[in-house]
Amino acid sequence: MDNLELQKHANDVRKGIVTAVHSAKAGHPGGSLSAADMFTFLYFEEMNIDPEHPDKADRDRFVLSKGHTAPGLYSALANRGFFPVEDLTTLRKLGSYLQGHPCIHIPGVDMSSGSLGQGISAAVGMAMAGMMDQKTFRVYTLLGDGELEEGQVWEAAMFAGHRKLDNLCVIVDNNGLQIDGPVDQVCSPYPIDKKFEAFNFHVINIDAHDFDQIRGALKEARETKGMPTAIVMHSLKGKGVSYMEGSVDWHGKAPNDEEYAAAMADLEKIAEKLAGQQEKAGDR
C-alpha cells in the first residue's frame, strides 16, 4: 500500500477517534491520535490478520498495553473491517461492547488491557508461547512513555531480552506527555533507547508520523534475530487536531460540540489535501 493510501486511512482513523470520544463524552484522544499512524500501518499493511477470521491461529498478535487509548485501536479495527465504523459512537455507553479499555471479546482484540504495565507482560507471554510451539506469528505491543514508569514493564523486558524473543516487537509512543504533565518532569524514563538496549533489545528510533520510517523499522524488526526489538516512535500528542497538538489537557478529555466540529474540520482539510494529491498523482 502506498503512503498516500496509508495517510488517508490514518486520517479516517483519527476521525473515528474524535467521533468516538465526543460521542462518549469521555476518553483519551491525545495518545490515541499520536499513535494513529502506527495503528494504521500495523492493521492495514504490517500484520498477518483477517477481519473475516479474527481468531485464525496463525495471525499476528497485538496487545495495547496503554489500554486507555482504546479509541485509537477501535477506530483502526473498525476501519479495517473487524466491526462497523458506526459502532464507534457507542464507545463507553451502557450495553456497548466497546468499553473504555480493550476487552478480548471484541473482534480483533487479542488481550484485555488497561492497568498500565501489564500489557507488555501479556505480549511477552504470547511471544514465548509462540517460540516454544515453533509458530511463525509475531507479537506487537504498544506502550506509552509515561507507562515506562511502571516497574512491571522492565520485569517483562528483562525476561524478553533474556529469552531472546525475536518474534516480539515493543513499540513506545514517545509523545512526551502523560496525565500529570511532561514525562521528563513527572518521573523521567529517559533515555528510553538506552534502557531497552540494557535489557538486550535491538532498538530503533523513528518519527511516528513518517510511514517510510515506520515501514523500515518494522522490516528491520522482522529481520532482527536473537533478540526482541523496541521501536521508540517520537510522536506529537493530539496529532491532526490543531488545538489538541502538544497539549497535555487533551490526555483524557472529550471535546464538546463546538470543539468536535473544529476537530472534524481540521481532519476534513487533511482529507481534501490528500484527495488533491491523489488526483495530481493520477494525472501524471
Protein backbone atom coordinates (compact mmCIF):
# COMPACT_ATOMS: atom_id res chain seq x y z
CA MET A 1 0.00 0.00 0.00
CA ASP A 2 1.43 3.39 -0.92
CA ASN A 3 1.94 6.13 1.64
CA LEU A 4 -0.88 8.29 0.30
CA GLU A 5 -3.39 5.50 0.88
CA LEU A 6 -1.98 4.96 4.35
CA GLN A 7 -2.32 8.67 5.11
CA LYS A 8 -5.96 8.56 4.02
CA HIS A 9 -6.65 5.56 6.24
CA ALA A 10 -4.83 7.23 9.15
CA ASN A 11 -6.98 10.34 8.73
CA ASP A 12 -10.11 8.17 8.80
CA VAL A 13 -8.79 6.51 11.95
CA ARG A 14 -8.34 9.95 13.52
CA LYS A 15 -11.90 10.92 12.56
CA GLY A 16 -13.12 7.75 14.25
CA ILE A 17 -11.16 8.56 17.41
CA VAL A 18 -12.57 12.06 17.71
CA THR A 19 -16.10 10.90 16.90
CA ALA A 20 -15.99 8.08 19.44
CA VAL A 21 -14.65 10.21 22.29
CA HIS A 22 -17.06 13.04 21.54
CA SER A 23 -19.99 10.64 21.50
CA ALA A 24 -18.90 9.06 24.80
CA LYS A 25 -18.25 12.46 26.39
CA ALA A 26 -15.18 10.76 27.90
CA GLY A 27 -12.00 9.05 26.79
CA HIS A 28 -8.40 9.66 25.78
CA PRO A 29 -7.98 11.40 22.43
CA GLY A 30 -4.42 12.75 22.76
CA GLY A 31 -2.49 9.49 22.92
CA SER A 32 -4.89 7.79 20.51
CA LEU A 33 -4.18 10.46 17.89
CA SER A 34 -0.41 10.34 18.43
CA ALA A 35 -0.41 6.59 17.73
CA ALA A 36 -2.91 6.66 14.83
CA ASP A 37 -0.27 6.30 12.13
CA MET A 38 1.23 3.23 13.80
CA PHE A 39 -2.23 1.71 14.37
CA THR A 40 -2.92 2.29 10.68
CA PHE A 41 0.31 0.76 9.42
CA LEU A 42 0.03 -2.30 11.65
CA TYR A 43 -3.55 -3.09 10.68
CA PHE A 44 -3.52 -2.05 7.02
CA GLU A 45 -0.08 -3.29 5.97
CA GLU A 46 2.15 -4.96 8.53
CA MET A 47 0.26 -7.63 10.44
CA ASN A 48 -0.96 -11.00 9.20
CA ILE A 49 -4.65 -10.62 10.11
CA ASP A 50 -8.04 -11.34 8.54
CA PRO A 51 -11.16 -9.41 9.60
CA GLU A 52 -13.28 -12.31 8.33
CA HIS A 53 -11.41 -14.73 10.59
CA PRO A 54 -10.17 -12.64 13.54
CA ASP A 55 -9.21 -15.70 15.61
CA LYS A 56 -7.23 -17.59 12.97
CA ALA A 57 -4.43 -19.50 14.66
CA ASP A 58 -1.50 -18.13 12.65
CA ARG A 59 -2.46 -14.46 12.95
CA ASP A 60 -0.05 -11.90 14.31
CA ARG A 61 -0.98 -10.67 17.78
CA PHE A 62 -1.30 -7.10 19.04
CA VAL A 63 -1.58 -6.01 22.67
CA LEU A 64 -2.47 -2.40 23.51
CA SER A 65 -0.51 -2.04 26.73
CA LYS A 66 -1.55 1.60 27.09
CA GLY A 67 -5.16 0.47 27.15
CA HIS A 68 -6.69 3.89 27.77
CA THR A 69 -6.02 4.72 24.11
CA ALA A 70 -8.62 2.15 23.10
CA PRO A 71 -10.36 4.71 20.82
CA GLY A 72 -7.33 4.51 18.52
CA LEU A 73 -7.34 0.72 18.44
CA TYR A 74 -11.12 0.55 17.99
CA SER A 75 -11.06 3.03 15.13
CA ALA A 76 -8.28 1.11 13.36
CA LEU A 77 -10.16 -2.18 13.80
CA ALA A 78 -13.43 -0.67 12.57
CA ASN A 79 -11.85 0.97 9.55
CA ARG A 80 -10.09 -2.32 8.74
CA GLY A 81 -13.43 -4.12 8.75
CA PHE A 82 -13.50 -6.02 12.04
CA PHE A 83 -16.78 -4.36 13.04
CA PRO A 84 -18.94 -1.47 11.75
CA VAL A 85 -17.46 2.02 11.89
CA GLU A 86 -20.87 3.24 13.07
CA ASP A 87 -20.39 1.30 16.32
CA LEU A 88 -17.63 3.72 17.36
CA THR A 89 -20.36 6.12 18.52
CA THR A 90 -21.32 3.56 21.20
CA LEU A 91 -17.96 3.93 22.99
CA ARG A 92 -18.34 3.65 26.79
CA LYS A 93 -22.13 3.51 26.58
CA LEU A 94 -24.15 1.12 28.70
CA GLY A 95 -24.55 -2.19 26.87
CA SER A 96 -21.91 -1.44 24.24
CA TYR A 97 -19.14 -3.94 23.55
CA LEU A 98 -16.74 -1.01 23.08
CA GLN A 99 -15.82 -0.03 26.61
CA GLY A 100 -13.12 2.36 27.82
CA HIS A 101 -10.34 -0.24 27.69
CA PRO A 102 -9.91 -3.13 25.23
CA CYS A 103 -11.74 -6.36 26.04
CA ILE A 104 -10.84 -9.70 24.50
CA HIS A 105 -14.43 -10.37 23.34
CA ILE A 106 -14.14 -7.56 20.76
CA PRO A 107 -13.34 -8.85 17.24
CA GLY A 108 -9.64 -8.30 16.58
CA VAL A 109 -8.64 -7.67 20.20
CA ASP A 110 -6.10 -10.26 21.36
CA MET A 111 -5.85 -9.25 25.02
CA SER A 112 -7.88 -7.26 27.53
CA SER A 113 -5.77 -4.42 28.92
CA GLY A 114 -5.96 -1.30 30.99
CA SER A 115 -3.78 -1.37 34.08
CA LEU A 116 -0.54 0.13 32.82
CA GLY A 117 2.49 -2.15 32.64
CA GLN A 118 0.52 -5.37 32.30
CA GLY A 119 0.03 -5.45 28.54
CA ILE A 120 3.70 -5.91 27.72
CA SER A 121 3.81 -8.87 30.12
CA ALA A 122 0.92 -10.50 28.24
CA ALA A 123 2.67 -9.83 24.93
CA VAL A 124 5.88 -11.38 26.22
CA GLY A 125 3.92 -14.46 27.28
CA MET A 126 2.36 -14.75 23.82
CA ALA A 127 5.78 -14.42 22.18
CA MET A 128 7.28 -17.05 24.48
CA ALA A 129 4.41 -19.43 23.76
CA GLY A 130 4.84 -18.91 20.02
CA MET A 131 8.55 -19.60 20.23
CA MET A 132 8.07 -22.74 22.33
CA ASP A 133 5.45 -24.05 19.90
CA GLN A 134 7.61 -23.11 16.90
CA LYS A 135 4.89 -20.87 15.45
CA THR A 136 5.57 -18.18 12.88
CA PHE A 137 3.30 -15.43 14.21
CA ARG A 138 4.74 -12.18 15.52
CA VAL A 139 3.61 -10.24 18.59
CA TYR A 140 3.38 -6.44 18.73
CA THR A 141 2.64 -4.32 21.79
CA LEU A 142 2.23 -0.56 22.14
CA LEU A 143 3.24 1.25 25.33
CA GLY A 144 3.05 4.87 26.41
CA ASP A 145 6.16 6.71 27.53
CA GLY A 146 4.53 7.50 30.88
CA GLU A 147 3.78 3.80 31.21
CA LEU A 148 7.52 3.14 31.32
CA GLU A 149 7.43 4.43 34.89
CA GLU A 150 5.78 1.10 35.82
CA GLY A 151 8.31 -1.39 37.18
CA GLN A 152 6.46 -4.32 35.61
CA VAL A 153 7.47 -3.03 32.17
CA TRP A 154 11.12 -3.65 32.96
CA GLU A 155 10.49 -7.06 34.50
CA ALA A 156 8.84 -8.07 31.22
CA ALA A 157 11.65 -6.51 29.19
CA MET A 158 14.25 -8.37 31.25
CA PHE A 159 12.52 -11.68 30.54
CA ALA A 160 12.07 -10.94 26.82
CA GLY A 161 15.71 -9.99 26.36
CA HIS A 162 16.96 -12.97 28.35
CA ARG A 163 14.79 -15.37 26.34
CA LYS A 164 15.82 -13.76 23.03
CA LEU A 165 12.23 -13.33 21.88
CA ASP A 166 12.90 -12.12 18.35
CA ASN A 167 9.21 -12.60 17.49
CA LEU A 168 8.37 -9.69 19.81
CA CYS A 169 8.23 -6.01 18.82
CA VAL A 170 7.70 -3.47 21.59
CA ILE A 171 6.59 -0.03 20.36
CA VAL A 172 6.82 3.02 22.63
CA ASP A 173 4.65 6.05 21.83
CA ASN A 174 7.03 8.76 22.99
CA ASN A 175 4.81 11.85 22.77
CA GLY A 176 6.43 13.34 25.87
CA LEU A 177 3.22 13.94 27.82
CA GLN A 178 1.30 11.95 30.43
CA ILE A 179 -1.75 12.75 32.53
CA ASP A 180 0.16 14.94 35.02
CA GLY A 181 2.39 16.76 32.54
CA PRO A 182 5.69 16.25 30.67
CA VAL A 183 7.14 12.79 31.35
CA ASP A 184 10.61 14.21 31.94
CA GLN A 185 9.21 16.29 34.81
CA VAL A 186 6.86 13.72 36.35
CA CYS A 187 9.31 10.80 36.52
CA SER A 188 11.70 10.74 33.58
CA PRO A 189 12.03 7.45 31.68
CA TYR A 190 14.86 8.84 29.55
CA PRO A 191 16.99 7.65 27.86
CA ILE A 192 14.38 5.17 26.64
CA ASP A 193 16.51 3.66 23.91
CA LYS A 194 19.50 3.01 26.18
CA LYS A 195 17.28 1.38 28.80
CA PHE A 196 15.89 -1.12 26.30
CA GLU A 197 19.38 -1.76 24.96
CA ALA A 198 20.47 -2.60 28.50
CA PHE A 199 17.75 -5.30 28.54
CA ASN A 200 19.17 -6.86 25.35
CA PHE A 201 16.76 -5.30 22.87
CA HIS A 202 17.54 -4.15 19.36
CA VAL A 203 16.35 -0.51 19.43
CA ILE A 204 15.18 1.74 16.59
CA ASN A 205 14.23 5.43 16.93
CA ILE A 206 11.75 6.80 14.38
CA ASP A 207 9.41 9.67 13.55
CA ALA A 208 5.97 8.29 14.44
CA HIS A 209 4.30 10.19 11.61
CA ASP A 210 6.58 9.14 8.74
CA PHE A 211 5.30 5.99 7.03
CA ASP A 212 8.63 5.32 5.34
CA GLN A 213 10.33 5.26 8.74
CA ILE A 214 7.57 3.10 10.23
CA ARG A 215 7.82 0.64 7.33
CA GLY A 216 11.61 0.49 7.57
CA ALA A 217 11.60 -0.02 11.33
CA LEU A 218 9.09 -2.86 11.24
CA LYS A 219 11.01 -4.54 8.42
CA GLU A 220 14.20 -4.23 10.47
CA ALA A 221 12.39 -5.72 13.46
CA ARG A 222 11.27 -8.73 11.40
CA GLU A 223 14.81 -9.28 10.17
CA THR A 224 16.45 -8.99 13.60
CA LYS A 225 17.26 -12.41 15.03
CA GLY A 226 18.25 -13.49 18.52
CA MET A 227 16.78 -10.53 20.37
CA PRO A 228 13.48 -8.63 20.66
CA THR A 229 13.08 -5.21 19.07
CA ALA A 230 11.94 -1.95 20.66
CA ILE A 231 10.76 0.85 18.37
CA VAL A 232 10.77 4.24 20.09
CA MET A 233 8.49 6.41 17.99
CA HIS A 234 8.74 10.12 18.61
CA SER A 235 5.22 11.48 18.19
CA LEU A 236 3.04 14.55 18.66
CA LYS A 237 0.24 14.16 21.18
CA GLY A 238 -3.09 15.04 19.57
CA LYS A 239 -1.62 14.80 16.05
CA GLY A 240 -4.04 16.02 13.37
CA VAL A 241 -6.25 18.22 15.55
CA SER A 242 -4.67 21.65 15.78
CA TYR A 243 -5.87 22.66 19.25
CA MET A 244 -5.00 19.26 20.74
CA GLU A 245 -1.48 19.01 19.35
CA GLY A 246 1.20 19.11 22.04
CA SER A 247 -1.35 19.80 24.79
CA VAL A 248 -1.47 17.72 27.97
CA ASP A 249 -5.02 19.00 28.53
CA TRP A 250 -6.25 16.52 25.91
CA HIS A 251 -4.76 13.44 27.52
CA GLY A 252 -8.13 12.33 28.88
CA LYS A 253 -10.86 14.81 27.94
CA ALA A 254 -13.64 14.71 25.38
CA PRO A 255 -14.34 17.63 23.03
CA ASN A 256 -17.66 19.45 23.38
CA ASP A 257 -19.86 20.01 20.31
CA GLU A 258 -18.01 23.14 19.20
CA GLU A 259 -14.60 21.56 19.72
CA TYR A 260 -15.74 18.42 17.92
CA ALA A 261 -16.79 20.47 14.90
CA ALA A 262 -13.40 22.23 14.89
CA ALA A 263 -11.55 18.91 15.12
CA MET A 264 -13.51 17.38 12.27
CA ALA A 265 -12.92 20.50 10.19
CA ASP A 266 -9.16 20.08 10.72
CA LEU A 267 -9.33 16.46 9.65
CA GLU A 268 -11.54 17.25 6.67
CA LYS A 269 -8.94 19.76 5.47
CA ILE A 270 -6.35 16.99 5.64
CA ALA A 271 -8.71 14.70 3.68
CA GLU A 272 -9.16 17.35 0.98
CA LYS A 273 -5.40 17.87 0.74
CA LEU A 274 -4.81 14.13 0.37
CA ALA A 275 -7.54 13.86 -2.28
CA GLY A 276 -5.84 16.66 -4.21
CA GLN A 277 -2.50 14.88 -4.02
CA GLN A 278 -4.10 11.67 -5.25
CA GLU A 279 -5.73 13.50 -8.16
CA LYS A 280 -2.39 15.03 -9.16
CA ALA A 281 -0.72 11.64 -8.95
CA GLY A 282 -3.37 10.19 -11.24
CA ASP A 283 -2.76 12.93 -13.84
CA ARG A 284 0.91 12.04 -14.24
